[in-house]
C-alpha atoms as a PDB file:
ATOM      1  CA  MET A   1      26.024 -44.920 -24.948  1.00  0.00           C
ATOM      2  CA  VAL A   2      25.672 -42.257 -27.635  1.00  0.00           C
ATOM      3  CA  LYS A   3      27.866 -39.247 -26.948  1.00  0.00           C
ATOM      4  CA  LYS A   4      26.316 -35.889 -27.724  1.00  0.00           C
ATOM      5  CA  ASP A   5      28.597 -33.326 -29.369  1.00  0.00           C
ATOM      6  CA  LYS A   6      27.877 -30.648 -26.802  1.00  0.00           C
ATOM      7  CA  ILE A   7      25.865 -30.437 -23.622  1.00  0.00           C
ATOM      8  CA  ARG A   8      23.595 -27.433 -23.762  1.00  0.00           C
ATOM      9  CA  GLY A   9      22.624 -25.819 -20.494  1.00  0.00           C
ATOM     10  CA  ILE A  10      18.961 -25.695 -21.462  1.00  0.00           C
ATOM     11  CA  ASP A  11      18.980 -29.437 -22.191  1.00  0.00           C
ATOM     12  CA  LEU A  12      20.580 -30.169 -18.837  1.00  0.00           C
ATOM     13  CA  ILE A  13      18.044 -27.990 -17.012  1.00  0.00           C
ATOM     14  CA  ARG A  14      15.138 -29.685 -18.753  1.00  0.00           C
ATOM     15  CA  PHE A  15      16.434 -33.197 -18.101  1.00  0.00           C
ATOM     16  CA  LEU A  16      17.166 -32.447 -14.451  1.00  0.00           C
ATOM     17  CA  SER A  17      13.833 -30.749 -13.794  1.00  0.00           C
ATOM     18  CA  THR A  18      13.127 -33.972 -11.896  1.00  0.00           C
ATOM     19  CA  PRO A  19      15.772 -35.794  -9.823  1.00  0.00           C
ATOM     20  CA  LYS A  20      18.095 -38.113 -11.770  1.00  0.00           C
ATOM     21  CA  THR A  21      20.990 -40.398 -10.777  1.00  0.00           C
ATOM     22  CA  LEU A  22      24.448 -40.121 -12.328  1.00  0.00           C
ATOM     23  CA  GLN A  23      23.738 -43.330 -14.216  1.00  0.00           C
ATOM     24  CA  GLU A  24      20.654 -41.781 -15.817  1.00  0.00           C
ATOM     25  CA  ILE A  25      22.470 -38.536 -16.595  1.00  0.00           C
ATOM     26  CA  SER A  26      25.409 -40.429 -18.110  1.00  0.00           C
ATOM     27  CA  ALA A  27      23.084 -42.437 -20.343  1.00  0.00           C
ATOM     28  CA  GLU A  28      21.222 -39.332 -21.486  1.00  0.00           C
ATOM     29  CA  PHE A  29      24.289 -37.307 -22.477  1.00  0.00           C
ATOM     30  CA  GLY A  30      26.597 -40.157 -23.567  1.00  0.00           C
ATOM     31  CA  ARG A  31      29.446 -39.470 -21.162  1.00  0.00           C
ATOM     32  CA  PRO A  32      31.034 -41.457 -18.315  1.00  0.00           C
ATOM     33  CA  GLU A  33      29.596 -40.930 -14.850  1.00  0.00           C
ATOM     34  CA  SER A  34      32.885 -39.501 -13.560  1.00  0.00           C
ATOM     35  CA  GLU A  35      32.913 -36.938 -16.366  1.00  0.00           C
ATOM     36  CA  MET A  36      29.307 -35.941 -15.732  1.00  0.00           C
ATOM     37  CA  GLU A  37      29.932 -35.669 -11.995  1.00  0.00           C
ATOM     38  CA  ALA A  38      32.840 -33.279 -12.581  1.00  0.00           C
ATOM     39  CA  TYR A  39      30.787 -31.391 -15.169  1.00  0.00           C
ATOM     40  CA  LEU A  40      27.925 -30.850 -12.730  1.00  0.00           C
ATOM     41  CA  GLU A  41      30.231 -29.752  -9.916  1.00  0.00           C
ATOM     42  CA  LYS A  42      31.315 -26.810 -12.076  1.00  0.00           C
ATOM     43  CA  ARG A  43      27.742 -25.894 -12.921  1.00  0.00           C
ATOM     44  CA  GLY A  44      26.072 -25.434  -9.580  1.00  0.00           C
ATOM     45  CA  LYS A  45      24.078 -22.646 -11.192  1.00  0.00           C
ATOM     46  CA  LEU A  46      22.848 -22.448 -14.778  1.00  0.00           C
ATOM     47  CA  ARG A  47      21.037 -19.295 -15.807  1.00  0.00           C
ATOM     48  CA  SER A  48      18.503 -18.749 -13.013  1.00  0.00           C
ATOM     49  CA  TYR A  49      18.521 -22.394 -11.898  1.00  0.00           C
ATOM     50  CA  ASN A  50      20.354 -23.850  -8.899  1.00  0.00           C
ATOM     51  CA  LEU A  51      21.629 -27.432  -8.723  1.00  0.00           C
ATOM     52  CA  PHE A  52      20.630 -29.526  -5.708  1.00  0.00           C
ATOM     53  CA  VAL A  53      22.391 -32.813  -4.866  1.00  0.00           C
ATOM     54  CA  HIS A  54      20.502 -35.240  -2.627  1.00  0.00           C
ATOM     55  CA  ARG A  55      20.228 -39.016  -2.098  1.00  0.00           C
ATOM     56  CA  ASN A  56      17.368 -41.313  -3.006  1.00  0.00           C
ATOM     57  CA  ASP A  57      16.023 -44.209  -0.939  1.00  0.00           C
ATOM     58  CA  SER A  58      18.840 -46.403  -2.258  1.00  0.00           C
ATOM     59  CA  GLN A  59      21.368 -43.810  -1.037  1.00  0.00           C
ATOM     60  CA  LYS A  60      22.439 -43.011  -4.599  1.00  0.00           C
ATOM     61  CA  LEU A  61      23.236 -39.407  -5.414  1.00  0.00           C
ATOM     62  CA  ILE A  62      20.481 -37.635  -7.312  1.00  0.00           C
ATOM     63  CA  TYR A  63      20.693 -34.281  -9.090  1.00  0.00           C
ATOM     64  CA  VAL A  64      17.964 -31.745  -9.801  1.00  0.00           C
ATOM     65  CA  TYR A  65      17.854 -28.143 -11.053  1.00  0.00           C
ATOM     66  CA  ASP A  66      15.277 -25.791  -9.564  1.00  0.00           C
ATOM     67  CA  LYS A  67      14.495 -22.231 -10.584  1.00  0.00           C
ATOM     68  CA  GLU A  68      15.853 -19.654  -8.194  1.00  0.00           C
ATOM     69  CA  LYS A  69      13.164 -18.094  -6.044  1.00  0.00           C
ATOM     70  CA  ARG A  70      13.301 -14.341  -6.427  1.00  0.00           C
ATOM     71  CA  ASN A  71      11.455 -11.596  -4.635  1.00  0.00           C
ATOM     72  CA  GLU A  72       8.117 -11.303  -6.386  1.00  0.00           C
ATOM     73  CA  LEU A  73       7.679  -7.723  -5.176  1.00  0.00           C
ATOM     74  CA  ILE A  74       9.319  -5.615  -7.848  1.00  0.00           C
ATOM     75  CA  ILE A  75       8.845  -1.986  -6.862  1.00  0.00           C
ATOM     76  CA  LYS A  76       9.037   0.642  -9.576  1.00  0.00           C
ATOM     77  CA  PRO A  77      11.093   3.800  -8.892  1.00  0.00           C
ATOM     78  CA  ARG A  78       9.291   6.782  -7.384  1.00  0.00           C
ATOM     79  CA  VAL A  79       9.108  10.187  -9.023  1.00  0.00           C
ATOM     80  CA  TRP A  80       8.862  11.739  -5.544  1.00  0.00           C
ATOM     81  CA  THR A  81      11.073  11.754  -2.476  1.00  0.00           C
ATOM     82  CA  TYR A  82      10.230  11.931   1.204  1.00  0.00           C
ATOM     83  CA  ARG A  83      11.694  12.842   4.554  1.00  0.00           C
ATOM     84  CA  LYS A  84      10.393  11.654   7.931  1.00  0.00           C
ATOM     85  CA  HIS A  85      10.978  13.321  11.267  1.00  0.00           C
ATOM     86  CA  GLU A  86      13.021  11.043  13.505  1.00  0.00           C
ATOM     87  CA  GLU A  87      10.623  11.196  16.456  1.00  0.00           C
ATOM     88  CA  LEU A  88       7.378  12.875  15.406  1.00  0.00           C
ATOM     89  CA  PRO A  89       4.618  11.873  12.941  1.00  0.00           C
ATOM     90  CA  TYR A  90       5.671  14.513  10.451  1.00  0.00           C
ATOM     91  CA  LEU A  91       6.336  13.787   6.782  1.00  0.00           C
ATOM     92  CA  TRP A  92       7.635  15.864   3.877  1.00  0.00           C
ATOM     93  CA  ILE A  93       6.813  14.681   0.371  1.00  0.00           C
ATOM     94  CA  SER A  94       8.618  16.436  -2.460  1.00  0.00           C
ATOM     95  CA  PHE A  95       7.521  16.285  -6.084  1.00  0.00           C
ATOM     96  CA  PRO A  96      10.133  17.515  -8.585  1.00  0.00           C
ATOM     97  CA  ASN A  97       9.431  20.958 -10.004  1.00  0.00           C
ATOM     98  CA  ASN A  98       9.858  19.619 -13.539  1.00  0.00           C
ATOM     99  CA  LEU A  99       6.789  17.452 -12.985  1.00  0.00           C
ATOM    100  CA  ASN A 100       4.570  19.536 -15.229  1.00  0.00           C
ATOM    101  CA  PHE A 101       1.100  18.251 -14.488  1.00  0.00           C
ATOM    102  CA  LYS A 102      -1.932  20.523 -14.670  1.00  0.00           C
ATOM    103  CA  LYS A 103      -2.732  19.181 -11.216  1.00  0.00           C
ATOM    104  CA  ILE A 104      -1.794  16.352  -8.863  1.00  0.00           C
ATOM    105  CA  ILE A 105      -4.621  14.255  -7.462  1.00  0.00           C
ATOM    106  CA  LEU A 106      -4.170  12.747  -3.987  1.00  0.00           C
ATOM    107  CA  ALA A 107      -6.484   9.751  -3.664  1.00  0.00           C
ATOM    108  CA  PRO A 108      -7.188   8.157  -0.263  1.00  0.00           C
ATOM    109  CA  ILE A 109      -7.297   4.364  -0.039  1.00  0.00           C
ATOM    110  CA  SER A 110      -9.385   3.810   3.058  1.00  0.00           C
ATOM    111  CA  ASP A 111     -11.469   1.057   4.621  1.00  0.00           C
ATOM    112  CA  ALA A 112     -10.893  -1.511   1.901  1.00  0.00           C
ATOM    113  CA  HIS A 113     -11.659  -4.286   4.410  1.00  0.00           C
ATOM    114  CA  TYR A 114      -9.924  -6.656   2.042  1.00  0.00           C
ATOM    115  CA  GLY A 115     -10.859 -10.221   2.926  1.00  0.00           C
ATOM    116  CA  SER A 116     -14.353  -9.362   4.129  1.00  0.00           C
ATOM    117  CA  LEU A 117     -17.298 -11.119   2.514  1.00  0.00           C
ATOM    118  CA  ALA A 118     -18.744  -7.640   1.891  1.00  0.00           C
ATOM    119  CA  HIS A 119     -15.598  -6.291   0.172  1.00  0.00           C
ATOM    120  CA  ILE A 120     -16.460  -4.811  -3.247  1.00  0.00           C
ATOM    121  CA  SER A 121     -13.595  -6.271  -5.234  1.00  0.00           C
ATOM    122  CA  LYS A 122     -14.410  -4.803  -8.656  1.00  0.00           C
ATOM    123  CA  LYS A 123     -14.827  -1.263  -7.350  1.00  0.00           C
ATOM    124  CA  PHE A 124     -11.601  -1.565  -5.380  1.00  0.00           C
ATOM    125  CA  ASP A 125      -9.625  -3.044  -8.273  1.00  0.00           C
ATOM    126  CA  ASP A 126     -10.918  -0.335 -10.622  1.00  0.00           C
ATOM    127  CA  TYR A 127      -9.857   2.327  -8.119  1.00  0.00           C
ATOM    128  CA  LEU A 128      -6.347   0.899  -7.774  1.00  0.00           C
ATOM    129  CA  ASN A 129      -6.054   0.590 -11.556  1.00  0.00           C
ATOM    130  CA  TRP A 130      -7.057   4.236 -11.934  1.00  0.00           C
ATOM    131  CA  ILE A 131      -4.278   5.285  -9.544  1.00  0.00           C
ATOM    132  CA  ALA A 132      -1.763   2.995 -11.251  1.00  0.00           C
ATOM    133  CA  ARG A 133      -2.412   4.127 -14.818  1.00  0.00           C
ATOM    134  CA  SER A 134      -2.903   7.874 -14.161  1.00  0.00           C
ATOM    135  CA  ASN A 135       0.466   9.623 -14.064  1.00  0.00           C
ATOM    136  CA  ASN A 136      -0.777  12.524 -11.946  1.00  0.00           C
ATOM    137  CA  VAL A 137      -2.651  10.442  -9.346  1.00  0.00           C
ATOM    138  CA  PHE A 138      -1.033   9.283  -6.096  1.00  0.00           C
ATOM    139  CA  GLY A 139      -2.644   7.329  -3.267  1.00  0.00           C
ATOM    140  CA  PHE A 140      -2.259   7.093   0.497  1.00  0.00           C
ATOM    141  CA  LEU A 141      -3.486   4.454   2.969  1.00  0.00           C
ATOM    142  CA  VAL A 142      -5.946   5.545   5.665  1.00  0.00           C
ATOM    143  CA  GLY A 143      -6.333   2.225   7.517  1.00  0.00           C
ATOM    144  CA  ASP A 144      -8.674  -0.764   7.806  1.00  0.00           C
ATOM    145  CA  GLU A 145      -7.160  -2.048   4.595  1.00  0.00           C
ATOM    146  CA  VAL A 146      -7.519  -5.706   5.639  1.00  0.00           C
ATOM    147  CA  GLU A 147     -10.452  -7.208   7.547  1.00  0.00           C
ATOM    148  CA  ASN A 148      -8.140  -8.973  10.045  1.00  0.00           C
ATOM    149  CA  CYS A 149     -10.735 -10.657  12.252  1.00  0.00           C
ATOM    150  CA  HIS A 150      -9.592 -13.230  14.795  1.00  0.00           C
ATOM    151  CA  ALA A 151     -10.849 -15.052  17.860  1.00  0.00           C
ATOM    152  CA  ASP A 152     -10.918 -11.908  20.014  1.00  0.00           C
ATOM    153  CA  SER A 153     -12.795  -9.831  17.429  1.00  0.00           C
ATOM    154  CA  PRO A 154     -16.513  -9.031  17.917  1.00  0.00           C
ATOM    155  CA  PRO A 155     -18.594 -12.234  18.094  1.00  0.00           C
ATOM    156  CA  GLY A 156     -19.173 -13.783  14.695  1.00  0.00           C
ATOM    157  CA  ALA A 157     -16.749 -11.476  12.889  1.00  0.00           C
ATOM    158  CA  ILE A 158     -14.390 -14.312  11.957  1.00  0.00           C
ATOM    159  CA  PHE A 159     -17.216 -15.871   9.934  1.00  0.00           C
ATOM    160  CA  GLU A 160     -17.537 -12.692   7.850  1.00  0.00           C
ATOM    161  CA  GLN A 161     -14.191 -13.288   6.113  1.00  0.00           C
ATOM    162  CA  MET A 162     -13.482 -15.002   2.811  1.00  0.00           C
ATOM    163  CA  MET A 163      -9.888 -15.831   3.773  1.00  0.00           C
ATOM    164  CA  ARG A 164      -7.633 -16.084   6.814  1.00  0.00           C
ATOM    165  CA  PRO A 165      -5.943 -12.876   8.041  1.00  0.00           C
ATOM    166  CA  LYS A 166      -2.463 -14.002   6.954  1.00  0.00           C
ATOM    167  CA  ASP A 167      -3.777 -14.675   3.442  1.00  0.00           C
ATOM    168  CA  GLN A 168      -5.473 -11.277   3.407  1.00  0.00           C
ATOM    169  CA  ILE A 169      -2.130  -9.613   4.081  1.00  0.00           C
ATOM    170  CA  ILE A 170      -0.249 -11.588   1.424  1.00  0.00           C
ATOM    171  CA  SER A 171      -2.926 -11.060  -1.210  1.00  0.00           C
ATOM    172  CA  PHE A 172      -3.349  -7.348  -0.451  1.00  0.00           C
ATOM    173  CA  ARG A 173       0.419  -6.828  -0.646  1.00  0.00           C
ATOM    174  CA  LYS A 174       0.537  -8.450  -4.089  1.00  0.00           C
ATOM    175  CA  LYS A 175      -2.391  -6.312  -5.209  1.00  0.00           C
ATOM    176  CA  LEU A 176      -0.693  -3.106  -4.034  1.00  0.00           C
ATOM    177  CA  ALA A 177       2.824  -3.922  -5.277  1.00  0.00           C
ATOM    178  CA  PRO A 178       2.359  -2.698  -8.896  1.00  0.00           C
ATOM    179  CA  LEU A 179       1.486   0.785  -7.626  1.00  0.00           C
ATOM    180  CA  ALA A 180       3.555   0.874  -4.425  1.00  0.00           C
ATOM    181  CA  HIS A 181       5.744   3.592  -5.968  1.00  0.00           C
ATOM    182  CA  LYS A 182       2.636   5.799  -6.095  1.00  0.00           C
ATOM    183  CA  ILE A 183       1.548   5.281  -2.467  1.00  0.00           C
ATOM    184  CA  LEU A 184       2.736   8.255  -0.420  1.00  0.00           C
ATOM    185  CA  PHE A 185       2.246   6.914   3.126  1.00  0.00           C
ATOM    186  CA  GLY A 186       0.084   4.740   5.340  1.00  0.00           C
ATOM    187  CA  VAL A 187      -1.589   4.929   8.760  1.00  0.00           C
ATOM    188  CA  PRO A 188      -3.410   2.092  10.570  1.00  0.00           C
ATOM    189  CA  GLY A 189      -7.071   1.656  11.397  1.00  0.00           C
ATOM    190  CA  ASN A 190      -8.821  -0.191  14.182  1.00  0.00           C
ATOM    191  CA  HIS A 191      -8.826  -3.454  12.195  1.00  0.00           C
ATOM    192  CA  GLU A 192      -5.019  -3.337  12.006  1.00  0.00           C
ATOM    193  CA  GLY A 193      -5.074  -2.335  15.672  1.00  0.00           C
ATOM    194  CA  ARG A 194      -6.592  -5.699  16.537  1.00  0.00           C
ATOM    195  CA  GLY A 195      -3.322  -7.361  15.643  1.00  0.00           C
ATOM    196  CA  THR A 196      -1.223  -4.733  17.402  1.00  0.00           C
ATOM    197  CA  LYS A 197      -3.161  -5.005  20.659  1.00  0.00           C
ATOM    198  CA  LYS A 198      -2.986  -8.798  20.833  1.00  0.00           C
ATOM    199  CA  THR A 199       0.386  -9.613  19.295  1.00  0.00           C
ATOM    200  CA  ASP A 200       2.320  -6.324  19.031  1.00  0.00           C
ATOM    201  CA  ILE A 201       2.385  -6.947  15.265  1.00  0.00           C
ATOM    202  CA  ASP A 202       0.799  -4.349  13.014  1.00  0.00           C
ATOM    203  CA  PRO A 203      -0.230  -6.192   9.817  1.00  0.00           C
ATOM    204  CA  LEU A 204      -0.360  -3.025   7.723  1.00  0.00           C
ATOM    205  CA  TYR A 205       3.214  -2.129   8.650  1.00  0.00           C
ATOM    206  CA  PHE A 206       4.981  -5.499   8.820  1.00  0.00           C
ATOM    207  CA  GLY A 207       2.964  -7.231   6.113  1.00  0.00           C
ATOM    208  CA  ILE A 208       2.365  -4.464   3.590  1.00  0.00           C
ATOM    209  CA  CYS A 209       4.022  -1.057   3.977  1.00  0.00           C
ATOM    210  CA  GLU A 210       7.472  -2.142   5.158  1.00  0.00           C
ATOM    211  CA  PRO A 211       7.971  -4.775   2.397  1.00  0.00           C
ATOM    212  CA  LEU A 212       6.706  -2.311  -0.224  1.00  0.00           C
ATOM    213  CA  GLY A 213       8.806   0.604   1.044  1.00  0.00           C
ATOM    214  CA  ILE A 214       5.798   2.797   1.871  1.00  0.00           C
ATOM    215  CA  PRO A 215       6.382   5.429   4.611  1.00  0.00           C
ATOM    216  CA  TYR A 216       4.325   4.407   7.635  1.00  0.00           C
ATOM    217  CA  PHE A 217       3.122   5.969  10.884  1.00  0.00           C
ATOM    218  CA  ASP A 218       1.307   4.181  13.701  1.00  0.00           C
ATOM    219  CA  GLU A 219      -0.647   7.333  14.568  1.00  0.00           C
ATOM    220  CA  PRO A 220      -2.173  10.328  12.723  1.00  0.00           C
ATOM    221  CA  VAL A 221       0.360  12.019  10.480  1.00  0.00           C
ATOM    222  CA  PHE A 222       1.085  15.651   9.598  1.00  0.00           C
ATOM    223  CA  VAL A 223       2.114  15.924   5.945  1.00  0.00           C
ATOM    224  CA  ASP A 224       3.710  18.724   3.920  1.00  0.00           C
ATOM    225  CA  ILE A 225       3.595  18.212   0.151  1.00  0.00           C
ATOM    226  CA  LEU A 226       6.185  20.293  -1.695  1.00  0.00           C
ATOM    227  CA  TRP A 227       5.667  21.116  -5.372  1.00  0.00           C
ATOM    228  CA  LYS A 228       6.507  24.096  -7.579  1.00  0.00           C
ATOM    229  CA  THR A 229       7.875  25.963  -4.506  1.00  0.00           C
ATOM    230  CA  TYR A 230       4.481  25.721  -2.739  1.00  0.00           C
ATOM    231  CA  VAL A 231       3.672  23.821   0.454  1.00  0.00           C
ATOM    232  CA  PHE A 232       0.388  21.907   0.624  1.00  0.00           C
ATOM    233  CA  THR A 233      -0.557  20.701   4.103  1.00  0.00           C
ATOM    234  CA  MET A 234      -2.491  17.636   5.217  1.00  0.00           C
ATOM    235  CA  TYR A 235      -3.473  15.925   8.440  1.00  0.00           C
ATOM    236  CA  CYS A 236      -4.503  12.286   8.049  1.00  0.00           C
ATOM    237  CA  ARG A 237      -5.912   9.813  10.546  1.00  0.00           C
ATOM    238  CA  HIS A 238      -8.111   6.750  10.354  1.00  0.00           C
ATOM    239  CA  GLY A 239     -10.592   8.057  12.898  1.00  0.00           C
ATOM    240  CA  SER A 240     -12.776   6.542  15.573  1.00  0.00           C
ATOM    241  CA  GLY A 241     -16.275   6.623  17.020  1.00  0.00           C
ATOM    242  CA  ASN A 242     -19.655   5.070  16.320  1.00  0.00           C
ATOM    243  CA  ALA A 243     -21.592   8.064  14.999  1.00  0.00           C
ATOM    244  CA  GLN A 244     -24.510   7.114  12.738  1.00  0.00           C
ATOM    245  CA  THR A 245     -25.866  10.514  11.692  1.00  0.00           C
ATOM    246  CA  LYS A 246     -24.272  12.674   9.015  1.00  0.00           C
ATOM    247  CA  GLY A 247     -23.781  15.460  11.534  1.00  0.00           C
ATOM    248  CA  GLY A 248     -22.170  13.183  14.085  1.00  0.00           C
ATOM    249  CA  LYS A 249     -19.724  11.835  11.524  1.00  0.00           C
ATOM    250  CA  ILE A 250     -18.610  15.200  10.175  1.00  0.00           C
ATOM    251  CA  ASN A 251     -18.354  16.655  13.690  1.00  0.00           C
ATOM    252  CA  LYS A 252     -16.004  13.818  14.601  1.00  0.00           C
ATOM    253  CA  ALA A 253     -13.839  14.617  11.601  1.00  0.00           C
ATOM    254  CA  LEU A 254     -13.872  18.366  12.352  1.00  0.00           C
ATOM    255  CA  GLN A 255     -12.403  17.823  15.832  1.00  0.00           C
ATOM    256  CA  ALA A 256      -8.920  17.741  14.322  1.00  0.00           C
ATOM    257  CA  LEU A 257      -9.228  21.418  13.397  1.00  0.00           C
ATOM    258  CA  ASP A 258      -9.457  22.414  17.068  1.00  0.00           C
ATOM    259  CA  PHE A 259      -5.862  21.722  18.043  1.00  0.00           C
ATOM    260  CA  GLN A 260      -3.709  22.758  15.110  1.00  0.00           C
ATOM    261  CA  GLU A 261      -2.981  25.607  12.755  1.00  0.00           C
ATOM    262  CA  HIS A 262      -4.562  26.012   9.340  1.00  0.00           C
ATOM    263  CA  ILE A 263      -4.367  22.852   7.236  1.00  0.00           C
ATOM    264  CA  MET A 264      -5.541  22.465   3.668  1.00  0.00           C
ATOM    265  CA  PHE A 265      -6.733  18.859   3.855  1.00  0.00           C
ATOM    266  CA  ASN A 266      -8.068  17.183   7.000  1.00  0.00           C
ATOM    267  CA  ILE A 267      -8.554  13.490   6.191  1.00  0.00           C
ATOM    268  CA  MET A 268     -10.498  10.829   8.098  1.00  0.00           C
ATOM    269  CA  GLY A 269     -11.865   7.359   7.312  1.00  0.00           C
ATOM    270  CA  HIS A 270     -13.533   4.811   9.595  1.00  0.00           C
ATOM    271  CA  VAL A 271     -17.214   5.816   9.297  1.00  0.00           C
ATOM    272  CA  HIS A 272     -17.620   4.495   5.709  1.00  0.00           C
ATOM    273  CA  ASP A 273     -19.610   7.541   4.580  1.00  0.00           C
ATOM    274  CA  PRO A 274     -17.762   9.912   2.222  1.00  0.00           C
ATOM    275  CA  MET A 275     -18.334  13.593   2.947  1.00  0.00           C
ATOM    276  CA  LEU A 276     -16.709  16.905   2.151  1.00  0.00           C
ATOM    277  CA  ASP A 277     -16.778  20.037   4.306  1.00  0.00           C
ATOM    278  CA  ASP A 278     -15.235  23.428   3.532  1.00  0.00           C
ATOM    279  CA  THR A 279     -14.637  25.220   6.832  1.00  0.00           C
ATOM    280  CA  PRO A 280     -12.478  28.339   6.351  1.00  0.00           C
ATOM    281  CA  ARG A 281     -10.075  29.682   8.921  1.00  0.00           C
ATOM    282  CA  ILE A 282      -9.303  33.363   9.411  1.00  0.00           C
ATOM    283  CA  CYS A 283      -5.530  33.805   9.239  1.00  0.00           C
ATOM    284  CA  ARG A 284      -3.167  36.729   9.642  1.00  0.00           C
ATOM    285  CA  GLU A 285      -1.191  37.479   6.488  1.00  0.00           C
ATOM    286  CA  ARG A 286       1.888  39.709   6.459  1.00  0.00           C
ATOM    287  CA  ASN A 287       3.876  40.654   3.357  1.00  0.00           C
ATOM    288  CA  PHE A 288       7.499  41.778   3.505  1.00  0.00           C
ATOM    289  CA  ASP A 289       9.860  43.244   0.924  1.00  0.00           C
ATOM    290  CA  GLU A 290      13.271  41.795   0.045  1.00  0.00           C
ATOM    291  CA  ASP A 291      14.869  43.682   2.956  1.00  0.00           C
ATOM    292  CA  GLY A 292      12.435  42.273   5.472  1.00  0.00           C
ATOM    293  CA  ASN A 293      10.372  45.442   5.850  1.00  0.00           C
ATOM    294  CA  LEU A 294       6.642  45.036   6.355  1.00  0.00           C
ATOM    295  CA  GLU A 295       4.722  46.091   3.259  1.00  0.00           C
ATOM    296  CA  SER A 296       1.174  45.099   4.174  1.00  0.00           C
ATOM    297  CA  PHE A 297      -0.894  43.034   6.543  1.00  0.00           C
ATOM    298  CA  ARG A 298      -4.453  41.752   6.480  1.00  0.00           C
ATOM    299  CA  LEU A 299      -6.858  39.023   7.568  1.00  0.00           C
ATOM    300  CA  VAL A 300      -7.689  36.357   4.997  1.00  0.00           C
ATOM    301  CA  HIS A 301     -10.093  33.442   4.821  1.00  0.00           C
ATOM    302  CA  LYS A 302      -8.169  30.282   3.956  1.00  0.00           C
ATOM    303  CA  LYS A 303      -9.949  27.154   2.828  1.00  0.00           C
ATOM    304  CA  GLN A 304      -9.772  24.021   4.935  1.00  0.00           C
ATOM    305  CA  TYR A 305     -11.207  20.860   3.435  1.00  0.00           C
ATOM    306  CA  THR A 306     -12.351  18.135   5.785  1.00  0.00           C
ATOM    307  CA  ILE A 307     -12.706  14.886   3.891  1.00  0.00           C
ATOM    308  CA  ILE A 308     -14.280  11.651   5.062  1.00  0.00           C
ATOM    309  CA  CYS A 309     -13.131   8.802   2.846  1.00  0.00           C
ATOM    310  CA  PRO A 310     -15.375   6.148   1.304  1.00  0.00           C
ATOM    311  CA  SER A 311     -15.141   2.472   2.094  1.00  0.00           C
ATOM    312  CA  PHE A 312     -15.105  -0.511  -0.230  1.00  0.00           C
ATOM    313  CA  LEU A 313     -17.769  -2.476   1.642  1.00  0.00           C
ATOM    314  CA  SER A 314     -21.164  -3.284   0.186  1.00  0.00           C
ATOM    315  CA  TYR A 315     -24.210  -2.390   2.246  1.00  0.00           C
ATOM    316  CA  PHE A 316     -26.501  -5.389   1.891  1.00  0.00           C
ATOM    317  CA  GLY A 317     -25.060  -8.455   3.518  1.00  0.00           C
ATOM    318  CA  SER A 318     -22.845  -6.391   5.832  1.00  0.00           C
ATOM    319  CA  TYR A 319     -23.118  -5.745   9.564  1.00  0.00           C
ATOM    320  CA  GLY A 320     -24.307  -2.209   8.753  1.00  0.00           C
ATOM    321  CA  ALA A 321     -27.428  -3.486   7.019  1.00  0.00           C
ATOM    322  CA  ARG A 322     -28.136  -6.001   9.782  1.00  0.00           C
ATOM    323  CA  MET A 323     -27.832  -3.269  12.415  1.00  0.00           C
ATOM    324  CA  GLY A 324     -30.182  -1.014  10.475  1.00  0.00           C
ATOM    325  CA  PHE A 325     -27.590   1.704   9.821  1.00  0.00           C
ATOM    326  CA  SER A 326     -28.277   4.142   7.007  1.00  0.00           C
ATOM    327  CA  PRO A 327     -26.534   3.132   3.770  1.00  0.00           C
ATOM    328  CA  PRO A 328     -23.578   5.398   2.958  1.00  0.00           C
ATOM    329  CA  ASN A 329     -23.158   7.117  -0.376  1.00  0.00           C
ATOM    330  CA  THR A 330     -20.550   5.752  -2.752  1.00  0.00           C
ATOM    331  CA  ASN A 331     -18.795   8.939  -3.857  1.00  0.00           C
ATOM    332  CA  ILE A 332     -15.025   9.026  -4.255  1.00  0.00           C
ATOM    333  CA  THR A 333     -13.304  11.878  -2.410  1.00  0.00           C
ATOM    334  CA  THR A 334      -9.945  13.251  -3.559  1.00  0.00           C
ATOM    335  CA  CYS A 335      -7.587  16.160  -2.942  1.00  0.00           C
ATOM    336  CA  GLU A 336      -6.210  18.258  -5.797  1.00  0.00           C
ATOM    337  CA  ILE A 337      -3.153  20.501  -5.772  1.00  0.00           C
ATOM    338  CA  TYR A 338      -2.145  22.878  -8.568  1.00  0.00           C
ATOM    339  CA  PRO A 339       1.193  24.277  -9.781  1.00  0.00           C
ATOM    340  CA  ASN A 340       0.069  27.844  -8.950  1.00  0.00           C
ATOM    341  CA  GLY A 341      -0.389  26.963  -5.268  1.00  0.00           C
ATOM    342  CA  LYS A 342      -4.155  26.546  -5.359  1.00  0.00           C
ATOM    343  CA  TYR A 343      -5.866  23.491  -3.947  1.00  0.00           C
ATOM    344  CA  HIS A 344      -9.287  21.879  -4.044  1.00  0.00           C
ATOM    345  CA  ALA A 345     -11.189  18.806  -2.888  1.00  0.00           C
ATOM    346  CA  THR A 346     -13.786  16.840  -4.814  1.00  0.00           C
ATOM    347  CA  SER A 347     -16.492  14.372  -3.905  1.00  0.00           C
END
């Protein structure tokens, strides 16, 4: 037995990367078994490695170090804060006034259908990378993010997936984690609703948004974005319906304007056909002085942008092509807000 001058932790970790008996450990480090046993008892953890003591088939004690399993989801700190209403789907998002961007771009992430055979992975990855690397770009989830087909889905749908639903959720969460601090909120689509209806488990909430700390609503959400003392308003829902014409799709999206006050951005997904409509609303405007006295009043036309989000599904090889639906365009639609209170939408 050759005694080593000093036992280094790294040497012990390397030697015990596979299970060893006390006899083997004693021979390796040149110390009596009793001494090595006492030594190991004091070193249940070395660096980020934990010591496990088990027994082999001969009932001899065996020792092995294994690297501590840490949470792989490391979420970067946000530059924005949020406040949710306790009972209603109402969200405030506040950007600090010292955030001196020329504009902030709000980019919808809708209808990714991650896990589908028709999912356009390169386009989707490029889009996420653009959000992640652009300081002034922030995303929000509009639903149908995972394909999530199961036995009760439309006939044959389970064969249109490249992976099982649980693997879709895990993989999508890992993909979104590096930019989770830039995702403002999420709402579900009908593909997430499949899980909710059958199991009372919403995969977008439990599998993605909750672990990543993304504010989540299980219904359409009313959003106020606060920046440079201005309030920018948004209404966001996944949408519904089976409209196939351009007019039918935009009319479905415009329905949300019927039951609420002026909103700057009316967002919908679901129909996989990006569109942009600018429907103004006539609003009363009153101006008061510092003492609360009325100075002027007038009627103004305020812009309202209705945005239908694009999907990340290819046309050929998808159910849309087989059904003979018209191919959608592939434009990206975004919302833009400016430090002077102006706002715009692009497609």
